[in-house]
């Protein structure tokens, strides 16, 4: 997995709303502009040149990677999730108010993203298996 910061996220994203406690609301897909710069590290997530955090997520064999990783972030940053899975799943980001949900089909990579608008500690998790992927600590 890579951890890279980008001034803009790369690729098309599906942004689906999710109520913080009910996981029920949805928004329509949006497009994220591409970026020409990125950096990598071995931490398993990405944080681009200050504006984007990219998290590469793998769901396989009943496990998730990253698994409960704590990620420091700032209000105003964009989070992009690149997900591969061996099962159909939904990935939720509980970010205060409406959260975000991304549907993932087995064997089909999915990319989604959302903006961090409030400070706090927020989980990114799988819906069906209930695994915590990451915890965003937003300041």
Protein backbone atom coordinates (compact mmCIF):
# COMPACT_ATOMS: atom_id res chain seq x y z
CA UNK A 1 0.00 0.00 0.00
CA UNK A 2 1.10 3.55 -0.61
CA UNK A 3 0.63 6.81 1.25
CA UNK A 4 0.72 9.79 -1.10
CA UNK A 5 -0.39 13.43 -0.91
CA UNK A 6 -1.81 15.11 -4.00
CA UNK A 7 -3.01 18.65 -4.54
CA UNK A 8 -5.98 17.11 -6.34
CA UNK A 9 -7.24 13.52 -6.28
CA UNK A 10 -6.77 11.35 -9.35
CA UNK A 11 -9.62 9.51 -11.14
CA UNK A 12 -13.38 9.38 -11.04
CA UNK A 13 -14.91 8.95 -7.61
CA UNK A 14 -18.27 7.82 -6.40
CA UNK A 15 -19.38 9.80 -3.39
CA UNK A 16 -22.36 8.27 -1.65
CA UNK A 17 -23.85 9.87 1.45
CA UNK A 18 -24.39 7.98 4.68
CA UNK A 19 -26.09 9.03 7.87
CA UNK A 20 -23.69 8.88 10.81
CA UNK A 21 -25.78 6.45 12.76
CA UNK A 22 -28.01 4.91 10.12
CA UNK A 23 -25.89 4.45 6.98
CA UNK A 24 -28.89 5.27 4.78
CA UNK A 25 -28.54 8.44 2.68
CA UNK A 26 -26.72 8.76 -0.63
CA UNK A 27 -25.38 11.43 -2.97
CA UNK A 28 -24.54 11.13 -6.65
CA UNK A 29 -21.11 10.32 -8.12
CA UNK A 30 -18.68 13.19 -8.65
CA UNK A 31 -15.47 13.54 -10.62
CA UNK A 32 -12.15 14.38 -9.00
CA UNK A 33 -9.58 16.26 -11.13
CA UNK A 34 -6.36 14.43 -11.88
CA UNK A 35 -3.02 15.43 -10.42
CA UNK A 36 0.52 15.17 -11.71
CA UNK A 37 2.35 14.89 -8.39
CA UNK A 38 2.40 12.19 -5.76
CA UNK A 39 4.68 10.78 -3.12
CA UNK A 40 4.86 7.33 -1.54
CA UNK A 41 5.66 5.90 1.86
CA UNK A 42 5.25 2.48 3.46
CA UNK A 43 2.58 3.47 5.98
CA UNK A 44 -0.38 2.10 3.98
CA UNK A 45 -2.18 5.35 3.31
CA UNK A 46 -1.54 8.45 1.32
CA UNK A 47 -1.45 12.13 2.04
CA UNK A 48 -0.78 14.25 -1.05
CA UNK A 49 0.89 17.64 -1.29
CA UNK A 50 -1.31 18.77 1.60
CA UNK A 51 -4.80 18.57 0.12
CA UNK A 52 -5.53 14.87 -0.50
CA UNK A 53 -5.11 11.73 1.56
CA UNK A 54 -5.26 8.57 -0.54
CA UNK A 55 -5.98 5.29 1.23
CA UNK A 56 -5.36 2.06 -0.68
CA UNK A 57 -7.70 -0.54 0.82
CA UNK A 58 -7.67 -4.31 0.28
CA UNK A 59 -10.48 -6.56 1.46
CA UNK A 60 -9.49 -10.22 1.08
CA UNK A 61 -10.02 -13.47 2.94
CA UNK A 62 -12.17 -11.80 5.58
CA UNK A 63 -9.44 -9.28 6.45
CA UNK A 64 -8.91 -5.58 5.65
CA UNK A 65 -5.71 -3.69 4.98
CA UNK A 66 -5.07 -1.22 6.48
CA UNK A 67 -6.59 -2.54 9.69
CA UNK A 68 -7.51 0.18 12.20
CA UNK A 69 -4.68 2.48 11.12
CA UNK A 70 -4.81 5.96 12.68
CA UNK A 71 -4.41 8.75 10.13
CA UNK A 72 -3.83 12.41 11.02
CA UNK A 73 -5.72 14.81 8.76
CA UNK A 74 -6.85 18.43 8.55
CA UNK A 75 -10.23 20.02 7.93
CA UNK A 76 -10.38 20.84 4.22
CA UNK A 77 -8.42 17.83 3.04
CA UNK A 78 -9.95 15.38 0.57
CA UNK A 79 -9.86 11.63 1.29
CA UNK A 80 -9.70 9.28 -1.69
CA UNK A 81 -10.23 5.54 -1.19
CA UNK A 82 -8.89 3.05 -3.75
CA UNK A 83 -10.49 -0.28 -2.90
CA UNK A 84 -10.09 -3.85 -4.13
CA UNK A 85 -12.14 -6.66 -2.64
CA UNK A 86 -12.76 -10.39 -3.10
CA UNK A 87 -16.38 -9.96 -1.88
CA UNK A 88 -19.20 -7.49 -2.48
CA UNK A 89 -18.94 -4.87 0.30
CA UNK A 90 -19.76 -1.31 1.28
CA UNK A 91 -17.14 0.95 2.79
CA UNK A 92 -18.44 3.69 5.09
CA UNK A 93 -16.70 6.79 6.31
CA UNK A 94 -18.39 8.22 9.41
CA UNK A 95 -17.33 11.85 9.23
CA UNK A 96 -19.95 13.77 11.20
CA UNK A 97 -23.34 14.81 9.86
CA UNK A 98 -23.74 12.83 6.69
CA UNK A 99 -20.96 10.32 6.20
CA UNK A 100 -19.97 8.58 2.98
CA UNK A 101 -20.55 5.13 1.53
CA UNK A 102 -18.88 3.43 -1.42
CA UNK A 103 -20.26 0.22 -2.87
CA UNK A 104 -17.56 -2.26 -3.90
CA UNK A 105 -18.16 -5.26 -6.19
CA UNK A 106 -15.97 -8.35 -5.84
CA UNK A 107 -13.07 -8.29 -8.31
CA UNK A 108 -13.81 -4.74 -9.52
CA UNK A 109 -11.60 -1.92 -8.19
CA UNK A 110 -13.57 1.03 -6.81
CA UNK A 111 -12.48 4.60 -6.10
CA UNK A 112 -14.41 7.09 -4.00
CA UNK A 113 -13.74 10.24 -2.08
CA UNK A 114 -15.03 12.86 0.31
CA UNK A 115 -13.95 16.13 1.89
CA UNK A 116 -13.19 16.52 5.60
CA UNK A 117 -15.38 19.39 6.83
CA UNK A 118 -15.34 19.03 10.61
CA UNK A 119 -12.71 18.17 13.23
CA UNK A 120 -12.98 14.93 15.19
CA UNK A 121 -12.10 11.26 15.14
CA UNK A 122 -13.93 9.31 12.42
CA UNK A 123 -13.91 5.65 11.40
CA UNK A 124 -13.72 4.22 7.92
CA UNK A 125 -15.21 0.71 8.08
CA UNK A 126 -16.74 -2.11 6.10
CA UNK A 127 -20.51 -2.42 6.38
CA UNK A 128 -21.09 -6.16 5.94
CA UNK A 129 -18.08 -7.53 7.83
CA UNK A 130 -17.87 -4.67 10.36
CA UNK A 131 -14.07 -4.25 10.08
CA UNK A 132 -12.45 -0.91 10.98
CA UNK A 133 -10.14 0.07 8.14
CA UNK A 134 -8.83 3.38 9.46
CA UNK A 135 -9.51 6.10 12.00
CA UNK A 136 -9.22 9.65 10.70
CA UNK A 137 -8.07 12.10 13.38
CA UNK A 138 -9.11 15.40 11.84
CA UNK A 139 -7.82 18.68 13.33
